Full PDB file with SEQRES, HELIX, SHEET, SSBOND, CRYST1, ORIGX, SCALE, CONECT and MASTER records, all heavy atoms in Angstrom:
SEQRES   1 A   29  SER GLY SER ASN ALA ILE LEU THR ASN GLN HIS CYS VAL          
SEQRES   2 A   29  GLU ASN GLN ALA VAL CYS ASP ASN THR GLU PHE GLY PHE          
SEQRES   3 A   29  ASP ALA TYR                                                  
HELIX    1 AA1 GLN A   16  ASP A   20  1                                   5    
CRYST1    1.000    1.000    1.000  90.00  90.00  90.00 P 1           1          
ORIGX1      1.000000  0.000000  0.000000        0.00000                         
ORIGX2      0.000000  1.000000  0.000000        0.00000                         
ORIGX3      0.000000  0.000000  1.000000        0.00000                         
SCALE1      1.000000  0.000000  0.000000        0.00000                         
SCALE2      0.000000  1.000000  0.000000        0.00000                         
SCALE3      0.000000  0.000000  1.000000        0.00000                         
ATOM      1  N   SER A   1      60.254   1.463  61.099  1.00  0.00           N  
ATOM      2  CA  SER A   1      58.845   1.521  60.942  1.00  0.00           C  
ATOM      3  C   SER A   1      58.200   2.416  62.043  1.00  0.00           C  
ATOM      4  O   SER A   1      58.905   2.611  62.999  1.00  0.00           O  
ATOM      5  CB  SER A   1      58.175   0.097  61.031  1.00  0.00           C  
ATOM      6  OG  SER A   1      58.040  -0.311  62.307  1.00  0.00           O  
ATOM      7  N   GLY A   2      56.993   2.786  61.836  1.00  0.00           N  
ATOM      8  CA  GLY A   2      56.298   3.621  62.942  1.00  0.00           C  
ATOM      9  C   GLY A   2      55.939   2.844  64.106  1.00  0.00           C  
ATOM     10  O   GLY A   2      55.488   3.317  65.146  1.00  0.00           O  
ATOM     11  N   SER A   3      56.089   1.406  64.006  1.00  0.00           N  
ATOM     12  CA  SER A   3      55.704   0.588  65.155  1.00  0.00           C  
ATOM     13  C   SER A   3      57.009   0.111  65.887  1.00  0.00           C  
ATOM     14  O   SER A   3      56.910  -0.884  66.607  1.00  0.00           O  
ATOM     15  CB  SER A   3      54.966  -0.646  64.651  1.00  0.00           C  
ATOM     16  OG  SER A   3      55.638  -1.265  63.717  1.00  0.00           O  
ATOM     17  N   ASN A   4      58.081   0.912  65.739  1.00  0.00           N  
ATOM     18  CA  ASN A   4      59.212   0.673  66.535  1.00  0.00           C  
ATOM     19  C   ASN A   4      59.943  -0.694  66.181  1.00  0.00           C  
ATOM     20  O   ASN A   4      60.410  -1.275  67.075  1.00  0.00           O  
ATOM     21  CB  ASN A   4      59.066   0.782  68.016  1.00  0.00           C  
ATOM     22  CG  ASN A   4      58.924   2.147  68.487  1.00  0.00           C  
ATOM     23  OD1 ASN A   4      59.365   3.058  67.780  1.00  0.00           O  
ATOM     24  ND2 ASN A   4      58.275   2.298  69.635  1.00  0.00           N  
ATOM     25  N   ALA A   5      59.924  -1.002  64.850  1.00  0.00           N  
ATOM     26  CA  ALA A   5      60.640  -2.242  64.361  1.00  0.00           C  
ATOM     27  C   ALA A   5      62.118  -1.745  64.131  1.00  0.00           C  
ATOM     28  O   ALA A   5      62.379  -0.688  63.460  1.00  0.00           O  
ATOM     29  CB  ALA A   5      60.041  -2.859  63.151  1.00  0.00           C  
ATOM     30  N   ILE A   6      63.104  -2.405  64.667  1.00  0.00           N  
ATOM     31  CA  ILE A   6      64.456  -2.024  64.541  1.00  0.00           C  
ATOM     32  C   ILE A   6      65.281  -3.028  63.611  1.00  0.00           C  
ATOM     33  O   ILE A   6      65.035  -4.344  63.858  1.00  0.00           O  
ATOM     34  CB  ILE A   6      65.135  -2.022  65.896  1.00  0.00           C  
ATOM     35  CG1 ILE A   6      64.464  -1.052  66.868  1.00  0.00           C  
ATOM     36  CG2 ILE A   6      66.632  -1.538  65.849  1.00  0.00           C  
ATOM     37  CD1 ILE A   6      64.388   0.320  66.436  1.00  0.00           C  
ATOM     38  N   LEU A   7      65.979  -2.537  62.688  1.00  0.00           N  
ATOM     39  CA  LEU A   7      66.814  -3.273  61.762  1.00  0.00           C  
ATOM     40  C   LEU A   7      68.264  -3.188  62.227  1.00  0.00           C  
ATOM     41  O   LEU A   7      68.843  -2.171  62.449  1.00  0.00           O  
ATOM     42  CB  LEU A   7      66.777  -2.811  60.357  1.00  0.00           C  
ATOM     43  CG  LEU A   7      67.561  -3.459  59.351  1.00  0.00           C  
ATOM     44  CD1 LEU A   7      67.162  -5.053  59.115  1.00  0.00           C  
ATOM     45  CD2 LEU A   7      67.592  -2.723  57.971  1.00  0.00           C  
ATOM     46  N   THR A   8      68.942  -4.401  62.665  1.00  0.00           N  
ATOM     47  CA  THR A   8      70.339  -4.386  63.062  1.00  0.00           C  
ATOM     48  C   THR A   8      70.949  -5.703  62.624  1.00  0.00           C  
ATOM     49  O   THR A   8      70.312  -6.499  62.048  1.00  0.00           O  
ATOM     50  CB  THR A   8      70.312  -4.208  64.517  1.00  0.00           C  
ATOM     51  OG1 THR A   8      71.774  -3.973  64.894  1.00  0.00           O  
ATOM     52  CG2 THR A   8      69.825  -5.350  65.365  1.00  0.00           C  
ATOM     53  N   ASN A   9      72.252  -5.894  62.806  1.00  0.00           N  
ATOM     54  CA  ASN A   9      72.912  -7.035  62.429  1.00  0.00           C  
ATOM     55  C   ASN A   9      72.776  -8.131  63.390  1.00  0.00           C  
ATOM     56  O   ASN A   9      72.452  -8.004  64.554  1.00  0.00           O  
ATOM     57  CB  ASN A   9      74.530  -6.707  62.381  1.00  0.00           C  
ATOM     58  CG  ASN A   9      74.705  -5.760  61.233  1.00  0.00           C  
ATOM     59  OD1 ASN A   9      74.413  -6.045  60.117  1.00  0.00           O  
ATOM     60  ND2 ASN A   9      75.554  -4.741  61.579  1.00  0.00           N  
ATOM     61  N   GLN A  10      72.787  -9.399  62.845  1.00  0.00           N  
ATOM     62  CA  GLN A  10      72.609 -10.601  63.686  1.00  0.00           C  
ATOM     63  C   GLN A  10      73.707 -10.709  64.775  1.00  0.00           C  
ATOM     64  O   GLN A  10      73.412 -11.233  65.923  1.00  0.00           O  
ATOM     65  CB  GLN A  10      72.614 -11.847  62.826  1.00  0.00           C  
ATOM     66  CG  GLN A  10      72.270 -13.148  63.641  1.00  0.00           C  
ATOM     67  CD  GLN A  10      72.227 -14.404  62.680  1.00  0.00           C  
ATOM     68  OE1 GLN A  10      72.545 -14.259  61.495  1.00  0.00           O  
ATOM     69  NE2 GLN A  10      72.036 -15.535  63.341  1.00  0.00           N  
ATOM     70  N   HIS A  11      74.874 -10.246  64.391  1.00  0.00           N  
ATOM     71  CA  HIS A  11      75.906 -10.391  65.484  1.00  0.00           C  
ATOM     72  C   HIS A  11      75.643  -9.313  66.646  1.00  0.00           C  
ATOM     73  O   HIS A  11      76.345  -9.508  67.748  1.00  0.00           O  
ATOM     74  CB  HIS A  11      77.347 -10.179  64.910  1.00  0.00           C  
ATOM     75  CG  HIS A  11      77.619  -8.871  64.361  1.00  0.00           C  
ATOM     76  ND1 HIS A  11      77.437  -8.592  63.118  1.00  0.00           N  
ATOM     77  CD2 HIS A  11      78.100  -7.775  64.937  1.00  0.00           C  
ATOM     78  CE1 HIS A  11      77.875  -7.319  62.790  1.00  0.00           C  
ATOM     79  NE2 HIS A  11      78.155  -6.800  63.947  1.00  0.00           N  
ATOM     80  N   CYS A  12      74.913  -8.413  66.515  1.00  0.00           N  
ATOM     81  CA  CYS A  12      74.442  -7.479  67.527  1.00  0.00           C  
ATOM     82  C   CYS A  12      73.441  -8.047  68.432  1.00  0.00           C  
ATOM     83  O   CYS A  12      73.562  -7.997  69.685  1.00  0.00           O  
ATOM     84  CB  CYS A  12      73.954  -6.146  66.914  1.00  0.00           C  
ATOM     85  SG  CYS A  12      75.200  -5.263  66.042  1.00  0.00           S  
ATOM     86  N   VAL A  13      72.366  -8.622  67.832  1.00  0.00           N  
ATOM     87  CA  VAL A  13      71.260  -9.333  68.582  1.00  0.00           C  
ATOM     88  C   VAL A  13      71.142 -10.710  68.073  1.00  0.00           C  
ATOM     89  O   VAL A  13      70.504 -10.894  67.045  1.00  0.00           O  
ATOM     90  CB  VAL A  13      69.959  -8.549  68.482  1.00  0.00           C  
ATOM     91  CG1 VAL A  13      68.834  -9.142  69.168  1.00  0.00           C  
ATOM     92  CG2 VAL A  13      70.065  -6.943  68.827  1.00  0.00           C  
ATOM     93  N   GLU A  14      71.686 -11.652  68.695  1.00  0.00           N  
ATOM     94  CA  GLU A  14      71.796 -12.955  68.222  1.00  0.00           C  
ATOM     95  C   GLU A  14      70.646 -13.824  68.402  1.00  0.00           C  
ATOM     96  O   GLU A  14      70.404 -14.835  67.699  1.00  0.00           O  
ATOM     97  CB  GLU A  14      73.079 -13.666  68.942  1.00  0.00           C  
ATOM     98  CG  GLU A  14      74.390 -13.028  68.476  1.00  0.00           C  
ATOM     99  CD  GLU A  14      75.602 -13.582  69.270  1.00  0.00           C  
ATOM    100  OE1 GLU A  14      75.278 -14.337  70.244  1.00  0.00           O  
ATOM    101  OE2 GLU A  14      76.683 -13.290  68.953  1.00  0.00           O  
ATOM    102  N   ASN A  15      69.780 -13.544  69.554  1.00  0.00           N  
ATOM    103  CA  ASN A  15      68.691 -14.472  69.664  1.00  0.00           C  
ATOM    104  C   ASN A  15      67.520 -13.609  70.463  1.00  0.00           C  
ATOM    105  O   ASN A  15      67.744 -12.429  70.754  1.00  0.00           O  
ATOM    106  CB  ASN A  15      69.046 -15.653  70.581  1.00  0.00           C  
ATOM    107  CG  ASN A  15      69.799 -15.245  71.799  1.00  0.00           C  
ATOM    108  OD1 ASN A  15      69.284 -14.519  72.652  1.00  0.00           O  
ATOM    109  ND2 ASN A  15      71.028 -15.759  72.092  1.00  0.00           N  
ATOM    110  N   GLN A  16      66.448 -14.363  70.547  1.00  0.00           N  
ATOM    111  CA  GLN A  16      65.240 -13.601  71.100  1.00  0.00           C  
ATOM    112  C   GLN A  16      65.527 -13.193  72.518  1.00  0.00           C  
ATOM    113  O   GLN A  16      65.038 -12.061  72.910  1.00  0.00           O  
ATOM    114  CB  GLN A  16      64.005 -14.517  71.083  1.00  0.00           C  
ATOM    115  CG  GLN A  16      62.699 -13.755  71.415  1.00  0.00           C  
ATOM    116  CD  GLN A  16      62.367 -12.703  70.413  1.00  0.00           C  
ATOM    117  OE1 GLN A  16      62.363 -12.986  69.128  1.00  0.00           O  
ATOM    118  NE2 GLN A  16      61.980 -11.541  70.888  1.00  0.00           N  
ATOM    119  N   ALA A  17      66.246 -13.861  73.334  1.00  0.00           N  
ATOM    120  CA  ALA A  17      66.494 -13.600  74.759  1.00  0.00           C  
ATOM    121  C   ALA A  17      67.222 -12.282  74.743  1.00  0.00           C  
ATOM    122  O   ALA A  17      66.842 -11.343  75.634  1.00  0.00           O  
ATOM    123  CB  ALA A  17      67.191 -14.643  75.518  1.00  0.00           C  
ATOM    124  N   VAL A  18      68.294 -12.086  73.955  1.00  0.00           N  
ATOM    125  CA  VAL A  18      69.073 -10.885  73.843  1.00  0.00           C  
ATOM    126  C   VAL A  18      68.174  -9.752  73.375  1.00  0.00           C  
ATOM    127  O   VAL A  18      68.098  -8.621  73.930  1.00  0.00           O  
ATOM    128  CB  VAL A  18      70.295 -11.120  73.062  1.00  0.00           C  
ATOM    129  CG1 VAL A  18      70.979  -9.763  72.937  1.00  0.00           C  
ATOM    130  CG2 VAL A  18      71.202 -12.066  73.589  1.00  0.00           C  
ATOM    131  N   CYS A  19      67.369 -10.005  72.391  1.00  0.00           N  
ATOM    132  CA  CYS A  19      66.423  -9.012  71.830  1.00  0.00           C  
ATOM    133  C   CYS A  19      65.455  -8.364  72.958  1.00  0.00           C  
ATOM    134  O   CYS A  19      65.258  -7.281  72.988  1.00  0.00           O  
ATOM    135  CB  CYS A  19      65.650  -9.674  70.739  1.00  0.00           C  
ATOM    136  SG  CYS A  19      64.803  -8.514  69.615  1.00  0.00           S  
ATOM    137  N   ASP A  20      64.935  -9.305  73.785  1.00  0.00           N  
ATOM    138  CA  ASP A  20      63.920  -8.969  74.754  1.00  0.00           C  
ATOM    139  C   ASP A  20      64.504  -8.032  75.758  1.00  0.00           C  
ATOM    140  O   ASP A  20      63.877  -7.376  76.499  1.00  0.00           O  
ATOM    141  CB  ASP A  20      63.414 -10.133  75.356  1.00  0.00           C  
ATOM    142  CG  ASP A  20      62.505 -10.970  74.467  1.00  0.00           C  
ATOM    143  OD1 ASP A  20      62.026 -10.268  73.419  1.00  0.00           O  
ATOM    144  OD2 ASP A  20      62.148 -12.076  74.631  1.00  0.00           O  
ATOM    145  N   ASN A  21      65.821  -8.014  75.969  1.00  0.00           N  
ATOM    146  CA  ASN A  21      66.588  -7.323  77.005  1.00  0.00           C  
ATOM    147  C   ASN A  21      67.504  -6.323  76.542  1.00  0.00           C  
ATOM    148  O   ASN A  21      68.458  -5.959  77.284  1.00  0.00           O  
ATOM    149  CB  ASN A  21      67.277  -8.314  77.950  1.00  0.00           C  
ATOM    150  CG  ASN A  21      66.301  -9.233  78.788  1.00  0.00           C  
ATOM    151  OD1 ASN A  21      65.729  -8.716  79.658  1.00  0.00           O  
ATOM    152  ND2 ASN A  21      66.094 -10.524  78.315  1.00  0.00           N  
ATOM    153  N   THR A  22      67.282  -5.842  75.280  1.00  0.00           N  
ATOM    154  CA  THR A  22      68.151  -4.817  74.635  1.00  0.00           C  
ATOM    155  C   THR A  22      67.460  -3.410  74.857  1.00  0.00           C  
ATOM    156  O   THR A  22      66.338  -3.286  74.721  1.00  0.00           O  
ATOM    157  CB  THR A  22      68.406  -5.100  73.248  1.00  0.00           C  
ATOM    158  OG1 THR A  22      69.102  -6.353  73.045  1.00  0.00           O  
ATOM    159  CG2 THR A  22      69.189  -4.016  72.480  1.00  0.00           C  
ATOM    160  N   GLU A  23      68.337  -2.470  75.235  1.00  0.00           N  
ATOM    161  CA  GLU A  23      67.982  -1.071  75.307  1.00  0.00           C  
ATOM    162  C   GLU A  23      68.379  -0.278  74.049  1.00  0.00           C  
ATOM    163  O   GLU A  23      69.518  -0.358  73.617  1.00  0.00           O  
ATOM    164  CB  GLU A  23      68.531  -0.451  76.602  1.00  0.00           C  
ATOM    165  CG  GLU A  23      68.156   0.928  76.744  1.00  0.00           C  
ATOM    166  CD  GLU A  23      68.709   1.458  78.170  1.00  0.00           C  
ATOM    167  OE1 GLU A  23      68.758   0.695  79.068  1.00  0.00           O  
ATOM    168  OE2 GLU A  23      69.240   2.537  78.086  1.00  0.00           O  
ATOM    169  N   PHE A  24      67.487   0.535  73.509  1.00  0.00           N  
ATOM    170  CA  PHE A  24      67.758   1.246  72.359  1.00  0.00           C  
ATOM    171  C   PHE A  24      67.797   2.735  72.629  1.00  0.00           C  
ATOM    172  O   PHE A  24      66.903   3.262  73.210  1.00  0.00           O  
ATOM    173  CB  PHE A  24      66.682   0.994  71.179  1.00  0.00           C  
ATOM    174  CG  PHE A  24      66.537  -0.433  70.868  1.00  0.00           C  
ATOM    175  CD1 PHE A  24      65.742  -1.410  71.540  1.00  0.00           C  
ATOM    176  CD2 PHE A  24      67.312  -0.944  69.720  1.00  0.00           C  
ATOM    177  CE1 PHE A  24      65.753  -2.695  71.181  1.00  0.00           C  
ATOM    178  CE2 PHE A  24      67.192  -2.267  69.383  1.00  0.00           C  
ATOM    179  CZ  PHE A  24      66.384  -3.202  70.071  1.00  0.00           C  
ATOM    180  N   GLY A  25      68.875   3.439  72.045  1.00  0.00           N  
ATOM    181  CA  GLY A  25      68.955   4.881  72.237  1.00  0.00           C  
ATOM    182  C   GLY A  25      68.567   5.565  70.945  1.00  0.00           C  
ATOM    183  O   GLY A  25      69.279   5.430  69.916  1.00  0.00           O  
ATOM    184  N   PHE A  26      67.386   6.191  70.837  1.00  0.00           N  
ATOM    185  CA  PHE A  26      66.988   6.748  69.576  1.00  0.00           C  
ATOM    186  C   PHE A  26      67.540   8.169  69.423  1.00  0.00           C  
ATOM    187  O   PHE A  26      67.922   8.864  70.389  1.00  0.00           O  
ATOM    188  CB  PHE A  26      65.393   6.861  69.604  1.00  0.00           C  
ATOM    189  CG  PHE A  26      64.701   5.529  69.627  1.00  0.00           C  
ATOM    190  CD1 PHE A  26      64.512   4.832  70.752  1.00  0.00           C  
ATOM    191  CD2 PHE A  26      64.345   4.991  68.486  1.00  0.00           C  
ATOM    192  CE1 PHE A  26      63.831   3.619  70.769  1.00  0.00           C  
ATOM    193  CE2 PHE A  26      63.725   3.739  68.421  1.00  0.00           C  
ATOM    194  CZ  PHE A  26      63.456   3.115  69.576  1.00  0.00           C  
ATOM    195  N   ASP A  27      67.534   8.592  68.221  1.00  0.00           N  
ATOM    196  CA  ASP A  27      67.952   9.964  67.859  1.00  0.00           C  
ATOM    197  C   ASP A  27      69.369  10.203  68.352  1.00  0.00           C  
ATOM    198  O   ASP A  27      69.675  11.304  68.884  1.00  0.00           O  
ATOM    199  CB  ASP A  27      67.083  10.919  68.345  1.00  0.00           C  
ATOM    200  CG  ASP A  27      67.148  12.278  67.624  1.00  0.00           C  
ATOM    201  OD1 ASP A  27      67.839  12.341  66.658  1.00  0.00           O  
ATOM    202  OD2 ASP A  27      66.564  13.254  68.158  1.00  0.00           O  
ATOM    203  N   ALA A  28      70.358   9.312  68.146  1.00  0.00           N  
ATOM    204  CA  ALA A  28      71.715   9.377  68.742  1.00  0.00           C  
ATOM    205  C   ALA A  28      72.738   9.639  67.771  1.00  0.00           C  
ATOM    206  O   ALA A  28      73.824   9.314  67.936  1.00  0.00           O  
ATOM    207  CB  ALA A  28      71.984   8.079  69.484  1.00  0.00           C  
ATOM    208  N   TYR A  29      72.388  10.268  66.629  1.00  0.00           N  
ATOM    209  CA  TYR A  29      73.354  10.700  65.570  1.00  0.00           C  
ATOM    210  C   TYR A  29      74.470  11.463  66.107  1.00  0.00           C  
ATOM    211  O   TYR A  29      74.212  12.495  66.872  1.00  0.00           O  
ATOM    212  CB  TYR A  29      72.770  11.223  64.359  1.00  0.00           C  
ATOM    213  CG  TYR A  29      73.817  11.389  63.252  1.00  0.00           C  
ATOM    214  CD1 TYR A  29      74.163  10.435  62.349  1.00  0.00           C  
ATOM    215  CD2 TYR A  29      74.540  12.620  63.236  1.00  0.00           C  
ATOM    216  CE1 TYR A  29      75.127  10.650  61.469  1.00  0.00           C  
ATOM    217  CE2 TYR A  29      75.528  12.877  62.233  1.00  0.00           C  
ATOM    218  CZ  TYR A  29      75.851  11.795  61.390  1.00  0.00           C  
ATOM    219  OH  TYR A  29      76.746  12.036  60.404  1.00  0.00           O  
TER     220      TYR A  29                                                      
MASTER        0    0    0    1    0    0    0    6  219    1    0    3          
END                                                                             
């Protein structure tokens, strides 16, 4: 989405605490 919503697997980001401290690398193909 244009509001920076990220879709990923649950085993990557298991809970909100992990989600809040995750760093995302965009345009990394």
